[in-house]
Amino acid sequence: MKLALAVILPLLASLVNLDGPGHYVNIGVISISVANLLVIILMAIVFILAVALPFPHKKEHGA
């Protein structure tokens, strides 16, 4: 297991190049990095799904 993680983690880390300058989105006076914007969008999607999807509950047996 540890060997698999030692092989997989560097491969996953190599997918993102962190040596270059960041990419930014400018909307008027607001400037936000694309990475932060992506995180905010994903958090909003998870929140909306948490509110919209039904909460699991036990089925009640009617008598």
N, C-alpha and C. Protein backbone atom coordinates (compact mmCIF):
# COMPACT_ATOMS: atom_id res chain seq x y z
N MET A 1 0.82 -1.19 0.00
CA MET A 1 0.00 0.00 0.00
C MET A 1 0.87 1.26 0.00
N LYS A 2 1.89 1.27 0.87
CA LYS A 2 2.76 2.44 0.94
C LYS A 2 3.54 2.62 -0.36
N LEU A 3 3.91 1.50 -0.98
CA LEU A 3 4.63 1.58 -2.25
C LEU A 3 3.74 2.16 -3.33
N ALA A 4 2.47 1.76 -3.33
CA ALA A 4 1.53 2.29 -4.32
C ALA A 4 1.36 3.80 -4.14
N LEU A 5 1.25 4.25 -2.90
CA LEU A 5 1.12 5.69 -2.64
C LEU A 5 2.39 6.43 -3.04
N ALA A 6 3.54 5.80 -2.80
CA ALA A 6 4.81 6.43 -3.16
C ALA A 6 4.95 6.58 -4.66
N VAL A 7 4.27 5.74 -5.43
CA VAL A 7 4.32 5.83 -6.89
C VAL A 7 3.23 6.75 -7.42
N ILE A 8 2.04 6.65 -6.86
CA ILE A 8 0.88 7.37 -7.39
C ILE A 8 0.93 8.86 -7.05
N LEU A 9 1.30 9.22 -5.83
CA LEU A 9 1.28 10.62 -5.42
C LEU A 9 2.19 11.51 -6.27
N PRO A 10 3.42 11.13 -6.55
CA PRO A 10 4.23 11.98 -7.43
C PRO A 10 3.66 12.09 -8.85
N LEU A 11 3.04 11.03 -9.33
CA LEU A 11 2.42 11.10 -10.65
C LEU A 11 1.26 12.09 -10.67
N LEU A 12 0.45 12.07 -9.62
CA LEU A 12 -0.66 13.02 -9.54
C LEU A 12 -0.15 14.45 -9.38
N ALA A 13 0.90 14.62 -8.59
CA ALA A 13 1.46 15.95 -8.38
C ALA A 13 2.09 16.51 -9.65
N SER A 14 2.56 15.64 -10.51
CA SER A 14 3.20 16.12 -11.73
C SER A 14 2.19 16.61 -12.77
N LEU A 15 0.91 16.38 -12.55
CA LEU A 15 -0.11 16.84 -13.49
C LEU A 15 -0.28 18.35 -13.46
N VAL A 16 0.07 18.98 -12.34
CA VAL A 16 -0.11 20.42 -12.18
C VAL A 16 1.26 21.08 -12.13
N ASN A 17 1.50 22.01 -13.04
CA ASN A 17 2.75 22.74 -13.07
C ASN A 17 2.62 23.99 -12.21
N LEU A 18 3.37 24.03 -11.10
CA LEU A 18 3.29 25.17 -10.19
C LEU A 18 4.45 26.14 -10.38
N ASP A 19 5.28 25.92 -11.40
CA ASP A 19 6.44 26.78 -11.61
C ASP A 19 6.08 28.08 -12.33
N GLY A 20 5.01 28.08 -13.09
CA GLY A 20 4.65 29.26 -13.88
C GLY A 20 3.84 30.25 -13.08
N PRO A 21 3.59 31.40 -13.67
CA PRO A 21 2.75 32.40 -12.99
C PRO A 21 1.29 31.93 -12.94
N GLY A 22 0.58 32.41 -11.95
CA GLY A 22 -0.82 32.05 -11.80
C GLY A 22 -1.69 32.71 -12.86
N HIS A 23 -2.83 32.11 -13.11
CA HIS A 23 -3.80 32.68 -14.05
C HIS A 23 -4.91 33.33 -13.25
N TYR A 24 -5.28 34.52 -13.64
CA TYR A 24 -6.27 35.30 -12.90
C TYR A 24 -7.43 35.70 -13.78
N VAL A 25 -8.60 35.84 -13.14
CA VAL A 25 -9.80 36.32 -13.80
C VAL A 25 -10.07 37.71 -13.22
N ASN A 26 -10.22 38.70 -14.08
CA ASN A 26 -10.49 40.07 -13.65
C ASN A 26 -11.90 40.47 -14.04
N ILE A 27 -12.68 40.82 -13.04
CA ILE A 27 -14.04 41.31 -13.26
C ILE A 27 -14.15 42.65 -12.55
N GLY A 28 -13.97 43.71 -13.29
CA GLY A 28 -13.99 45.04 -12.67
C GLY A 28 -12.84 45.20 -11.71
N VAL A 29 -13.16 45.46 -10.44
CA VAL A 29 -12.12 45.62 -9.43
C VAL A 29 -11.78 44.30 -8.75
N ILE A 30 -12.50 43.24 -9.09
CA ILE A 30 -12.27 41.93 -8.48
C ILE A 30 -11.27 41.15 -9.32
N SER A 31 -10.24 40.65 -8.68
CA SER A 31 -9.24 39.81 -9.33
C SER A 31 -9.09 38.55 -8.50
N ILE A 32 -9.37 37.37 -9.10
CA ILE A 32 -9.32 36.11 -8.38
C ILE A 32 -8.59 35.08 -9.23
N SER A 33 -7.80 34.24 -8.58
CA SER A 33 -7.08 33.22 -9.34
C SER A 33 -8.06 32.15 -9.82
N VAL A 34 -7.70 31.54 -10.91
CA VAL A 34 -8.57 30.51 -11.49
C VAL A 34 -8.71 29.33 -10.52
N ALA A 35 -7.64 28.99 -9.83
CA ALA A 35 -7.70 27.88 -8.87
C ALA A 35 -8.69 28.18 -7.75
N ASN A 36 -8.64 29.40 -7.20
CA ASN A 36 -9.57 29.76 -6.14
C ASN A 36 -11.00 29.84 -6.65
N LEU A 37 -11.18 30.33 -7.86
CA LEU A 37 -12.51 30.39 -8.45
C LEU A 37 -13.08 28.99 -8.63
N LEU A 38 -12.25 28.06 -9.05
CA LEU A 38 -12.68 26.67 -9.21
C LEU A 38 -13.09 26.06 -7.87
N VAL A 39 -12.34 26.33 -6.83
CA VAL A 39 -12.69 25.82 -5.50
C VAL A 39 -14.01 26.41 -5.03
N ILE A 40 -14.22 27.69 -5.24
CA ILE A 40 -15.47 28.34 -4.83
C ILE A 40 -16.66 27.75 -5.59
N ILE A 41 -16.50 27.52 -6.88
CA ILE A 41 -17.58 26.94 -7.69
C ILE A 41 -17.89 25.52 -7.22
N LEU A 42 -16.86 24.71 -6.96
CA LEU A 42 -17.09 23.34 -6.48
C LEU A 42 -17.77 23.33 -5.11
N MET A 43 -17.39 24.24 -4.24
CA MET A 43 -18.03 24.33 -2.93
C MET A 43 -19.49 24.72 -3.07
N ALA A 44 -19.80 25.63 -3.99
CA ALA A 44 -21.19 26.04 -4.21
C ALA A 44 -22.01 24.86 -4.76
N ILE A 45 -21.42 24.08 -5.66
CA ILE A 45 -22.12 22.92 -6.21
C ILE A 45 -22.42 21.90 -5.12
N VAL A 46 -21.44 21.63 -4.26
CA VAL A 46 -21.64 20.68 -3.16
C VAL A 46 -22.71 21.20 -2.21
N PHE A 47 -22.71 22.49 -1.92
CA PHE A 47 -23.72 23.06 -1.03
C PHE A 47 -25.12 22.93 -1.64
N ILE A 48 -25.25 23.25 -2.92
CA ILE A 48 -26.56 23.17 -3.58
C ILE A 48 -27.05 21.73 -3.60
N LEU A 49 -26.14 20.78 -3.88
CA LEU A 49 -26.54 19.37 -3.88
C LEU A 49 -26.94 18.92 -2.47
N ALA A 50 -26.25 19.40 -1.45
CA ALA A 50 -26.59 19.02 -0.08
C ALA A 50 -27.96 19.54 0.31
N VAL A 51 -28.33 20.70 -0.19
CA VAL A 51 -29.64 21.26 0.13
C VAL A 51 -30.73 20.60 -0.72
N ALA A 52 -30.43 20.32 -1.98
CA ALA A 52 -31.46 19.84 -2.91
C ALA A 52 -31.75 18.35 -2.79
N LEU A 53 -30.74 17.54 -2.50
CA LEU A 53 -30.96 16.10 -2.44
C LEU A 53 -31.68 15.73 -1.15
N PRO A 54 -32.55 14.71 -1.23
CA PRO A 54 -33.28 14.31 -0.02
C PRO A 54 -32.34 13.68 1.01
N PHE A 55 -32.62 13.95 2.26
CA PHE A 55 -31.83 13.39 3.35
C PHE A 55 -32.25 11.93 3.55
N PRO A 56 -31.29 11.00 3.63
CA PRO A 56 -31.68 9.59 3.81
C PRO A 56 -32.30 9.37 5.19
N HIS A 57 -33.35 8.59 5.22
CA HIS A 57 -34.00 8.28 6.48
C HIS A 57 -34.53 6.87 6.44
N LYS A 58 -34.80 6.33 7.60
CA LYS A 58 -35.35 4.98 7.69
C LYS A 58 -36.79 4.99 7.25
N LYS A 59 -37.18 3.91 6.61
CA LYS A 59 -38.57 3.79 6.22
C LYS A 59 -39.40 3.43 7.44
N GLU A 60 -40.51 4.14 7.60
CA GLU A 60 -41.40 3.86 8.72
C GLU A 60 -42.41 2.78 8.31
N HIS A 61 -42.60 1.84 9.20
CA HIS A 61 -43.58 0.79 8.94
C HIS A 61 -44.92 1.21 9.51
N GLY A 62 -45.90 1.37 8.63
CA GLY A 62 -47.23 1.76 9.08
C GLY A 62 -48.01 0.56 9.56
N ALA A 63 -48.79 0.76 10.60
CA ALA A 63 -49.58 -0.36 11.15
C ALA A 63 -51.04 -0.12 10.95
